[in-house]
Amino acid sequence: MATEYTREQQAFSRACIQEALFLLMADRPLDEITISAISERSGISRMGFYRNYKSKTDVLNDYFTTELNRVITMLGDIEPLIAENITPVYFQSIKDDGDKFVLAISAGGDQVLFDCFVETVGTFFTENVRRPWFTGAYAEYWKRFVTAGLYAITVQWIKDDFRTPIPVLVSVTNHLVAQAPTNISNVEINSRK
């Protein structure tokens, strides 16, 4: 059984490894960074690295899962829990802590970020969307669609150096999320009418 001191040391080691990886990602792509370089930069031995993580992907996964869970927990505490209240807080939080997101995207760690994002935000939707239609296969596909859309908007905003005003993003995303199921069998796509 780990003591409190041991847990603190493990957390410190993980934080050092994470910070070292992000510092290295500022200079080169993720796939060019070695575990040895992370160990050297962090001051944590390779053995220490492997006690905490199996790979660089695990390091990013740990960081982004923790960070996104922090954001989601903060959003879950907002009352009333409606899109108009949570969406601006979401975008502001991403902007406030955007440096690591920028590094992950620019250095090629965006797939890890995407996987963490889909899992975390999907869980948030599962736990918080209370609509009669939000069940079964519809709910699962809705979560995938909306989560992927929110991710794409977030990444584009980050790539654009956060230039688009948050109210514009809120308008776009809230419109996307607010759509209840409809019968689209008679909807014309590319209609010239």
Protein backbone atom coordinates (compact mmCIF):
# COMPACT_ATOMS: atom_id res chain seq x y z
CA MET A 1 0.00 0.00 0.00
CA ALA A 2 1.42 3.36 -1.02
CA THR A 3 1.99 5.96 1.63
CA GLU A 4 0.92 9.57 1.25
CA TYR A 5 4.57 10.51 0.68
CA THR A 6 4.91 7.90 -2.07
CA ARG A 7 1.75 9.16 -3.79
CA GLU A 8 3.06 12.72 -3.61
CA GLN A 9 6.38 11.65 -5.13
CA GLN A 10 4.61 9.76 -7.92
CA ALA A 11 2.44 12.80 -8.66
CA PHE A 12 5.54 15.03 -8.68
CA SER A 13 7.35 12.63 -11.05
CA ARG A 14 4.36 12.55 -13.41
CA ALA A 15 4.12 16.36 -13.37
CA CYS A 16 7.85 16.64 -14.18
CA ILE A 17 7.54 14.13 -17.03
CA GLN A 18 4.49 15.92 -18.44
CA GLU A 19 6.16 19.32 -18.28
CA ALA A 20 9.32 17.94 -19.91
CA LEU A 21 7.32 16.44 -22.76
CA PHE A 22 5.50 19.72 -23.42
CA LEU A 23 8.77 21.66 -23.31
CA LEU A 24 10.25 19.28 -25.86
CA MET A 25 7.11 19.49 -28.03
CA ALA A 26 7.70 23.23 -28.32
CA ASP A 27 10.83 22.44 -30.36
CA ARG A 28 10.02 19.26 -32.27
CA PRO A 29 7.24 16.88 -33.29
CA LEU A 30 6.03 14.28 -30.83
CA ASP A 31 7.23 11.35 -32.93
CA GLU A 32 10.82 12.68 -32.83
CA ILE A 33 10.92 12.93 -29.03
CA THR A 34 12.53 9.99 -27.26
CA ILE A 35 11.90 8.67 -23.77
CA SER A 36 15.58 9.38 -23.07
CA ALA A 37 15.08 13.04 -24.00
CA ILE A 38 12.04 13.25 -21.71
CA SER A 39 14.01 11.63 -18.89
CA GLU A 40 16.93 13.98 -19.36
CA ARG A 41 14.71 17.07 -19.52
CA SER A 42 12.57 16.03 -16.54
CA GLY A 43 15.37 14.83 -14.30
CA ILE A 44 13.46 11.55 -13.90
CA SER A 45 15.31 8.36 -14.86
CA ARG A 46 14.06 6.15 -17.68
CA MET A 47 13.14 3.60 -15.03
CA GLY A 48 11.19 6.32 -13.25
CA PHE A 49 9.48 7.20 -16.51
CA TYR A 50 8.41 3.60 -17.05
CA ARG A 51 7.19 3.28 -13.46
CA ASN A 52 4.70 6.03 -14.28
CA TYR A 53 3.96 5.63 -17.99
CA LYS A 54 4.23 3.08 -20.78
CA SER A 55 4.67 5.63 -23.58
CA LYS A 56 4.60 9.29 -24.61
CA THR A 57 0.96 8.77 -25.54
CA ASP A 58 0.23 7.74 -21.95
CA VAL A 59 1.81 10.98 -20.72
CA LEU A 60 -0.41 13.08 -22.97
CA ASN A 61 -3.44 10.95 -22.17
CA ASP A 62 -2.87 11.44 -18.43
CA TYR A 63 -2.43 15.20 -18.78
CA PHE A 64 -5.41 15.82 -21.09
CA THR A 65 -7.75 13.46 -19.26
CA THR A 66 -6.97 15.25 -16.00
CA GLU A 67 -7.27 18.71 -17.56
CA LEU A 68 -10.50 17.97 -19.42
CA ASN A 69 -12.00 16.32 -16.33
CA ARG A 70 -11.20 19.51 -14.41
CA VAL A 71 -13.04 21.57 -17.03
CA ILE A 72 -15.99 19.16 -17.14
CA THR A 73 -16.28 19.12 -13.34
CA MET A 74 -16.29 22.91 -13.32
CA LEU A 75 -19.00 22.96 -16.00
CA GLY A 76 -21.08 20.41 -14.11
CA ASP A 77 -21.19 22.73 -11.10
CA ILE A 78 -22.81 25.58 -13.07
CA GLU A 79 -26.44 26.30 -12.19
CA PRO A 80 -28.65 26.10 -14.07
CA LEU A 81 -26.84 23.57 -16.22
CA ILE A 82 -27.88 24.86 -19.64
CA ALA A 83 -25.86 25.39 -22.81
CA GLU A 84 -26.13 29.18 -22.59
CA ASN A 85 -24.34 29.08 -19.23
CA ILE A 86 -21.76 26.35 -19.74
CA THR A 87 -20.55 27.01 -23.30
CA PRO A 88 -18.92 30.42 -22.64
CA VAL A 89 -17.21 29.00 -19.55
CA TYR A 90 -15.95 26.03 -21.59
CA PHE A 91 -14.39 28.23 -24.26
CA GLN A 92 -12.90 30.64 -21.72
CA SER A 93 -11.33 27.73 -19.84
CA ILE A 94 -9.80 26.34 -23.04
CA LYS A 95 -8.44 29.79 -23.89
CA ASP A 96 -7.05 30.34 -20.38
CA ASP A 97 -5.16 27.03 -20.45
CA GLY A 98 -4.57 26.88 -24.20
CA ASP A 99 -0.78 26.64 -24.25
CA LYS A 100 -0.67 22.85 -23.81
CA PHE A 101 -3.50 22.37 -26.32
CA VAL A 102 -1.55 24.46 -28.85
CA LEU A 103 1.57 22.35 -28.30
CA ALA A 104 -0.29 19.06 -28.65
CA ILE A 105 -1.90 20.15 -31.90
CA SER A 106 1.25 21.64 -33.43
CA ALA A 107 3.53 18.76 -32.40
CA GLY A 108 1.28 15.95 -33.64
CA GLY A 109 -0.37 14.87 -30.39
CA ASP A 110 -3.81 15.85 -31.58
CA GLN A 111 -5.10 12.26 -31.86
CA VAL A 112 -4.45 11.73 -28.15
CA LEU A 113 -6.19 15.02 -27.42
CA PHE A 114 -9.13 13.96 -29.61
CA ASP A 115 -9.47 10.58 -27.87
CA CYS A 116 -9.42 12.20 -24.41
CA PHE A 117 -11.85 14.87 -25.56
CA VAL A 118 -14.38 12.40 -27.01
CA GLU A 119 -14.27 10.24 -23.88
CA THR A 120 -14.49 13.09 -21.37
CA VAL A 121 -17.05 15.26 -23.15
CA GLY A 122 -19.10 12.19 -24.12
CA THR A 123 -19.27 11.19 -20.45
CA PHE A 124 -20.35 14.73 -19.56
CA PHE A 125 -23.22 14.50 -22.07
CA THR A 126 -24.23 11.05 -20.80
CA GLU A 127 -24.35 12.28 -17.21
CA ASN A 128 -26.02 15.63 -17.86
CA VAL A 129 -28.29 15.59 -20.91
CA ARG A 130 -31.83 14.96 -19.69
CA ARG A 131 -34.15 14.79 -22.67
CA PRO A 132 -36.76 12.15 -23.50
CA TRP A 133 -35.10 11.54 -26.87
CA PHE A 134 -31.59 11.13 -25.40
CA THR A 135 -31.54 7.33 -25.20
CA GLY A 136 -30.15 4.33 -26.99
CA ALA A 137 -28.47 4.51 -30.37
CA TYR A 138 -29.72 8.05 -30.98
CA ALA A 139 -27.95 9.31 -27.86
CA GLU A 140 -24.73 7.50 -28.75
CA TYR A 141 -24.59 8.88 -32.28
CA TRP A 142 -25.67 12.34 -31.12
CA LYS A 143 -22.80 12.35 -28.59
CA ARG A 144 -20.30 11.31 -31.26
CA PHE A 145 -21.52 13.91 -33.72
CA VAL A 146 -21.74 16.80 -31.27
CA THR A 147 -18.48 15.91 -29.52
CA ALA A 148 -16.59 15.66 -32.82
CA GLY A 149 -18.11 18.97 -33.93
CA LEU A 150 -17.20 20.69 -30.68
CA TYR A 151 -13.68 19.28 -30.95
CA ALA A 152 -13.32 20.51 -34.55
CA ILE A 153 -14.52 23.99 -33.59
CA THR A 154 -12.22 24.06 -30.56
CA VAL A 155 -9.16 22.96 -32.56
CA GLN A 156 -9.85 25.45 -35.35
CA TRP A 157 -10.23 28.22 -32.76
CA ILE A 158 -6.92 27.22 -31.16
CA LYS A 159 -5.21 27.13 -34.58
CA ASP A 160 -6.65 30.59 -35.30
CA ASP A 161 -4.95 31.81 -32.12
CA PHE A 162 -8.30 32.33 -30.33
CA ARG A 163 -9.19 35.27 -32.63
CA THR A 164 -12.87 34.43 -33.06
CA PRO A 165 -14.86 36.00 -30.20
CA ILE A 166 -16.31 33.54 -27.70
CA PRO A 167 -19.92 34.73 -28.29
CA VAL A 168 -19.65 33.64 -31.94
CA LEU A 169 -18.46 30.18 -30.91
CA VAL A 170 -21.22 29.97 -28.29
CA SER A 171 -23.83 30.78 -30.93
CA VAL A 172 -22.55 28.13 -33.35
CA THR A 173 -22.13 25.36 -30.79
CA ASN A 174 -25.36 26.01 -28.92
CA HIS A 175 -27.31 25.90 -32.17
CA LEU A 176 -25.67 22.58 -33.02
CA VAL A 177 -26.35 21.06 -29.60
CA ALA A 178 -29.94 22.32 -29.30
CA GLN A 179 -31.30 20.36 -32.23
CA ALA A 180 -33.79 17.71 -31.14
CA PRO A 181 -34.48 14.77 -33.44
CA THR A 182 -36.66 15.52 -36.44
CA ASN A 183 -38.00 13.53 -39.32
CA ILE A 184 -35.75 14.48 -42.20
CA SER A 185 -37.21 12.16 -44.82
CA ASN A 186 -38.71 15.10 -46.73
CA VAL A 187 -35.88 17.56 -46.25
CA GLU A 188 -34.32 18.57 -49.53
CA ILE A 189 -30.58 18.94 -49.59
CA ASN A 190 -29.21 21.27 -52.27
CA SER A 191 -32.70 22.33 -53.23
CA ARG A 192 -32.84 25.11 -55.82
CA LYS A 193 -36.24 26.25 -54.52
